[in-house]
Each structure stands twice: as structure tokens, then as C-alpha cells.
Amino acid sequence: MTAFEQLVAPTKAAQAEFAQDCLECFTSGAGKRVLSALVAAAHPLCHIPGMTDHQHGRAEVVATLWRFGANTPQLPPPEQTPPTS
């Protein structure tokens, strides 16, 4: 399976452009709040047994946006919430 970020930016040039675009979007105050809300909703490191492919996919999208758009590699810790059905 192709990683989500390779679908978004398949070449080195596309990755560089996407990274710059994400930094411009997510390093503002509003962008940081949006990225934090996305991480809270689908934390990239929170994989609970029984998660659906859809839930894993959401986490992969958030991971890609965090990777390219955050100016720090530190993710906030995942919230310990029970899985939803």
C-alpha cells in the first residue's frame, strides 16, 4: 500500500512544496490550533486494538499534516479514551 504522504507529494520537489505550504498554513496561531485539534481527534500514535481501517487512515492523514506542517517534531501525548464503536 502506498503511504498517504506519497500520494500527496510523490516526488522530492512535490514534498518540498507541500512541506512549505503546510508550514505556511500551520505555523500561524490559527494553524497551530487547527493542527492541535486534528491531533486531538485522530492522534497519529494512538492505535488501539479494534480500530477500523478508516480510523487508521485518519491518523495517517493527521501524521502527514503534522510531519510537514509542525515546526516541532514533538507530538502532544495521546489522550487515553476508550475506542468508539
Protein backbone atom coordinates (compact mmCIF):
# COMPACT_ATOMS: atom_id res chain seq x y z
CA MET A 1 0.00 0.00 0.00
CA THR A 2 1.24 3.48 -0.83
CA ALA A 3 1.77 5.79 2.15
CA PHE A 4 -0.62 8.75 2.23
CA GLU A 5 2.19 11.29 2.05
CA GLN A 6 3.48 9.67 -1.15
CA LEU A 7 0.03 10.13 -2.68
CA VAL A 8 0.03 13.80 -1.67
CA ALA A 9 3.62 14.51 -2.69
CA PRO A 10 5.08 11.74 -4.88
CA THR A 11 8.38 13.48 -5.79
CA LYS A 12 11.09 15.28 -3.81
CA ALA A 13 10.07 18.56 -5.44
CA ALA A 14 6.41 17.99 -4.56
CA GLN A 15 7.40 17.09 -0.98
CA ALA A 16 9.38 20.31 -0.62
CA GLU A 17 6.50 22.39 -1.98
CA PHE A 18 3.94 20.58 0.19
CA ALA A 19 6.16 21.00 3.26
CA GLN A 20 6.48 24.75 2.63
CA ASP A 21 2.73 25.08 2.07
CA CYS A 22 2.00 23.17 5.29
CA LEU A 23 4.44 25.31 7.27
CA GLU A 24 2.78 28.46 5.97
CA CYS A 25 -0.65 27.07 6.92
CA PHE A 26 0.12 25.55 10.29
CA THR A 27 2.69 27.84 11.92
CA SER A 28 0.26 30.72 12.40
CA GLY A 29 -1.72 30.88 15.63
CA ALA A 30 -4.88 29.67 13.91
CA GLY A 31 -2.97 26.96 12.06
CA LYS A 32 -1.43 25.66 15.29
CA ARG A 33 -4.90 25.47 16.84
CA VAL A 34 -6.28 23.61 13.81
CA LEU A 35 -3.37 21.15 13.78
CA SER A 36 -3.75 20.60 17.54
CA ALA A 37 -7.47 19.92 17.09
CA LEU A 38 -6.71 17.40 14.32
CA VAL A 39 -4.16 15.64 16.54
CA ALA A 40 -6.67 15.54 19.40
CA ALA A 41 -9.28 13.99 17.09
CA ALA A 42 -7.03 11.39 15.42
CA HIS A 43 -3.68 11.16 17.19
CA PRO A 44 -1.09 9.60 14.87
CA LEU A 45 0.45 7.46 17.61
CA CYS A 46 -2.77 6.24 19.21
CA HIS A 47 -3.54 2.87 17.65
CA ILE A 48 -5.96 0.86 19.74
CA PRO A 49 -6.76 -2.80 19.04
CA GLY A 50 -10.01 -3.00 17.12
CA MET A 51 -9.56 0.28 15.27
CA THR A 52 -11.02 0.27 11.79
CA ASP A 53 -9.05 0.92 8.62
CA HIS A 54 -10.88 4.24 8.43
CA GLN A 55 -9.64 5.25 11.89
CA HIS A 56 -6.07 4.26 10.98
CA GLY A 57 -6.40 6.27 7.77
CA ARG A 58 -7.47 9.39 9.63
CA ALA A 59 -4.45 9.02 11.91
CA GLU A 60 -2.19 8.69 8.84
CA VAL A 61 -3.58 11.90 7.35
CA VAL A 62 -3.01 13.76 10.62
CA ALA A 63 0.51 12.29 10.86
CA THR A 64 1.29 13.61 7.37
CA LEU A 65 0.00 17.09 8.17
CA TRP A 66 1.93 17.12 11.46
CA ARG A 67 5.12 15.89 9.80
CA PHE A 68 5.03 18.56 7.13
CA GLY A 69 3.26 21.36 8.98
CA ALA A 70 4.56 21.46 12.52
CA ASN A 71 7.68 23.37 13.39
CA THR A 72 8.42 20.91 16.19
CA PRO A 73 8.76 17.13 15.97
CA GLN A 74 7.08 16.74 19.38
CA LEU A 75 3.53 15.42 19.28
CA PRO A 76 1.33 16.05 22.29
CA PRO A 77 0.66 12.83 24.20
CA PRO A 78 -2.38 10.83 23.00
CA GLU A 79 -5.50 11.13 25.08
CA GLN A 80 -6.46 7.87 26.72
CA THR A 81 -10.04 7.49 25.60
CA PRO A 82 -11.90 4.22 25.06
CA PRO A 83 -12.44 3.23 21.43
CA THR A 84 -15.76 4.20 19.92
CA SER A 85 -17.90 1.73 18.04
